[in-house]
Each structure stands twice: as structure tokens, then as C-alpha cells.
Amino acid sequence: MCLNPRTLGPYARTLLGELVSKYIDENPELHDFGKVLMRDVRDRSHLALRDIVAGTARAPGLRDLSERVSQWSSDDRDAALRLGEQMIDQVLCSFFAMLGDHSEDITLTAFGKDVYEVSDGLGGELYGDEGWIHRFSEFPSRI
């Protein structure tokens, strides 16, 4: 489970925001990694999801699914889109949790730094006003 500051009270969000701002200044490599991850993984996944739901997916394995989904009602397509968005973020959180659980065996180096050494938990980097989704992604979180 990833920390989502939107579920915190206003005082906790203010304190968290102050800590995050200081943290960003001290760990630019971590946030460069976040920028690449949001644009090259999360945003590409959102674009692919939107193509599927709109009926415009071109990949041979997705054409049939895309055609079927495009015939659903607008409400059903929106629900599918929201479900897909949630799953994209859940996959990122699960990936980060796996890295944390296996940090003895698996390292992730970005821009010359071990990402887990400069973060206290990558899942927490995603959300909030200073989080990677808000700062770097073309698609805001609807959580």
C-alpha cells in the first residue's frame, strides 16, 4: 500500500509537504528517476489504456478487446478507464514494494545513485502535491 497524502488531514499534509520539499532538494537524482518513470512508463501506459478504451488500439493482440470496449456505454468506458488508471498506479506501488522487500538481492541504480538508498519508500514518492504523479505525469491521479 502506498502512502497517499490526500487521505491525511490538513496539518499532516502541511508537515509532509515541508519535509518533501527539503527531501527533493537533497535528492535530485531520485526525482530525475521519478520524472523518467512517470513519462516513459506511467504516461505511456495511460496512453495505451486510452487507445484501448477509445477503440483505437493498433496492436494486433488488442484490436478485438479495443473494439469490444469501444462499444460499451460511456459510463462503462469511464469505469474501465478508472479501473485501468488504478491498476497502473497499483503496479508501480507493487513493483516498489517488491524492490523494498528484496533490497538485499535487487538494486536499482538511476543517475548514479541506488534509488532505495536515497528514498525511504518509493511508493510514497508517487502521491501528493510534491509527488511524482503531480509533478511529472501528464495524467493526474484520480484517487
Protein backbone atom coordinates (compact mmCIF):
# COMPACT_ATOMS: atom_id res chain seq x y z
CA MET A 1 0.00 0.00 0.00
CA CYS A 2 1.36 3.41 -0.96
CA LEU A 3 1.04 6.50 1.20
CA ASN A 4 -1.45 8.92 -0.31
CA PRO A 5 -1.27 12.38 1.31
CA ARG A 6 -4.80 13.15 0.10
CA THR A 7 -6.08 10.81 2.80
CA LEU A 8 -4.23 12.73 5.53
CA GLY A 9 -5.59 15.70 7.45
CA PRO A 10 -4.54 19.27 6.54
CA TYR A 11 -1.95 19.57 9.33
CA ALA A 12 -0.27 16.29 8.37
CA ARG A 13 -0.29 17.33 4.68
CA THR A 14 1.43 20.64 5.56
CA LEU A 15 4.13 18.88 7.58
CA LEU A 16 4.57 16.27 4.88
CA GLY A 17 4.85 18.99 2.21
CA GLU A 18 7.62 20.76 4.12
CA LEU A 19 9.55 17.53 4.57
CA VAL A 20 9.12 16.59 0.92
CA SER A 21 10.37 19.97 -0.34
CA LYS A 22 13.56 19.60 1.69
CA TYR A 23 13.88 16.00 0.57
CA ILE A 24 13.59 16.95 -3.13
CA ASP A 25 16.40 19.47 -2.82
CA GLU A 26 18.64 16.85 -1.21
CA ASN A 27 17.90 14.03 -3.71
CA PRO A 28 17.78 15.37 -7.29
CA GLU A 29 18.77 12.00 -8.81
CA LEU A 30 15.79 10.33 -7.19
CA HIS A 31 13.43 12.88 -8.69
CA ASP A 32 15.11 12.66 -12.10
CA PHE A 33 14.35 8.93 -11.90
CA GLY A 34 10.73 9.78 -10.98
CA LYS A 35 10.42 12.08 -13.99
CA VAL A 36 11.64 9.37 -16.38
CA LEU A 37 9.42 6.75 -14.74
CA MET A 38 6.31 8.93 -14.95
CA ARG A 39 6.82 9.96 -18.57
CA ASP A 40 8.21 6.73 -20.01
CA VAL A 41 6.21 4.18 -18.02
CA ARG A 42 3.11 5.69 -16.39
CA ASP A 43 2.17 8.14 -19.16
CA ARG A 44 2.81 5.59 -21.92
CA SER A 45 0.60 3.11 -20.06
CA HIS A 46 -2.16 5.73 -19.75
CA LEU A 47 -1.95 6.49 -23.47
CA ALA A 48 -2.21 2.78 -24.32
CA LEU A 49 -5.18 2.42 -21.95
CA ARG A 50 -6.95 5.36 -23.58
CA ASP A 51 -6.39 3.86 -27.03
CA ILE A 52 -7.95 0.59 -25.89
CA VAL A 53 -10.98 2.29 -24.33
CA ALA A 54 -11.45 4.60 -27.34
CA GLY A 55 -11.32 1.69 -29.80
CA THR A 56 -8.17 2.95 -31.50
CA ALA A 57 -5.58 0.42 -30.24
CA ARG A 58 -3.47 -0.80 -33.15
CA ALA A 59 -1.57 -3.68 -31.57
CA PRO A 60 -2.87 -6.92 -33.11
CA GLY A 61 -3.44 -8.51 -29.69
CA LEU A 62 -5.53 -5.56 -28.50
CA ARG A 63 -7.71 -4.79 -31.54
CA ASP A 64 -10.52 -7.18 -30.61
CA LEU A 65 -10.58 -6.02 -26.99
CA SER A 66 -10.45 -2.39 -28.06
CA GLU A 67 -13.36 -2.81 -30.47
CA ARG A 68 -15.45 -4.52 -27.80
CA VAL A 69 -14.73 -1.92 -25.13
CA SER A 70 -15.40 0.96 -27.52
CA GLN A 71 -18.99 -0.33 -27.90
CA TRP A 72 -19.71 -0.09 -24.18
CA SER A 73 -21.74 2.77 -22.75
CA SER A 74 -19.92 5.97 -21.88
CA ASP A 75 -20.29 5.20 -18.16
CA ASP A 76 -18.88 1.71 -18.60
CA ARG A 77 -15.94 3.01 -20.65
CA ASP A 78 -15.24 5.62 -17.95
CA ALA A 79 -15.33 2.90 -15.29
CA ALA A 80 -12.90 0.79 -17.35
CA LEU A 81 -10.63 3.80 -17.74
CA ARG A 82 -10.66 4.50 -13.99
CA LEU A 83 -10.01 0.84 -13.21
CA GLY A 84 -7.09 0.81 -15.64
CA GLU A 85 -5.68 4.01 -14.12
CA GLN A 86 -5.87 2.48 -10.64
CA MET A 87 -4.14 -0.67 -11.84
CA ILE A 88 -1.29 1.28 -13.47
CA ASP A 89 -0.56 3.01 -10.16
CA GLN A 90 -1.02 -0.23 -8.21
CA VAL A 91 1.53 -1.96 -10.43
CA LEU A 92 4.02 0.83 -9.71
CA CYS A 93 3.36 0.51 -5.95
CA SER A 94 3.68 -3.28 -6.09
CA PHE A 95 6.93 -3.00 -8.05
CA PHE A 96 8.33 -0.58 -5.47
CA ALA A 97 7.23 -2.86 -2.62
CA MET A 98 8.94 -5.82 -4.31
CA LEU A 99 12.16 -3.81 -4.64
CA GLY A 100 11.96 -2.91 -0.95
CA ASP A 101 11.27 -6.49 0.07
CA HIS A 102 14.27 -7.74 -1.93
CA SER A 103 16.67 -4.83 -1.47
CA GLU A 104 19.40 -7.24 -0.36
CA ASP A 105 19.29 -9.00 -3.74
CA ILE A 106 17.98 -6.39 -6.18
CA THR A 107 19.35 -2.89 -6.59
CA LEU A 108 18.00 -0.11 -8.74
CA THR A 109 20.53 2.49 -9.80
CA ALA A 110 19.43 5.68 -11.50
CA PHE A 111 21.65 8.62 -12.39
CA GLY A 112 24.48 7.08 -10.39
CA LYS A 113 22.55 6.54 -7.14
CA ASP A 114 20.94 3.48 -5.57
CA VAL A 115 17.34 4.64 -5.59
CA TYR A 116 16.41 2.76 -2.42
CA GLU A 117 19.32 4.29 -0.51
CA VAL A 118 18.02 7.82 -1.14
CA SER A 119 14.32 7.06 -0.63
CA ASP A 120 12.56 5.88 2.49
CA GLY A 121 9.99 4.12 0.29
CA LEU A 122 9.37 4.67 -3.39
CA GLY A 123 5.60 4.22 -3.10
CA GLY A 124 5.45 7.42 -1.07
CA GLU A 125 7.20 9.32 -3.86
CA LEU A 126 4.17 8.98 -6.14
CA TYR A 127 1.45 10.98 -4.43
CA GLY A 128 0.76 14.47 -3.10
CA ASP A 129 1.49 17.95 -4.39
CA GLU A 130 5.22 17.22 -4.50
CA GLY A 131 4.79 13.63 -5.67
CA TRP A 132 5.98 12.35 -8.99
CA ILE A 133 2.48 11.93 -10.45
CA HIS A 134 1.53 15.54 -9.74
CA ARG A 135 4.89 16.99 -10.79
CA PHE A 136 5.83 14.89 -13.80
CA SER A 137 2.86 12.97 -15.24
CA GLU A 138 0.58 14.17 -17.97
CA PHE A 139 -2.27 12.28 -16.26
CA PRO A 140 -3.27 13.36 -12.75
CA SER A 141 -4.25 10.77 -10.19
CA ARG A 142 -7.98 10.49 -9.61
CA ILE A 143 -7.58 8.81 -6.22
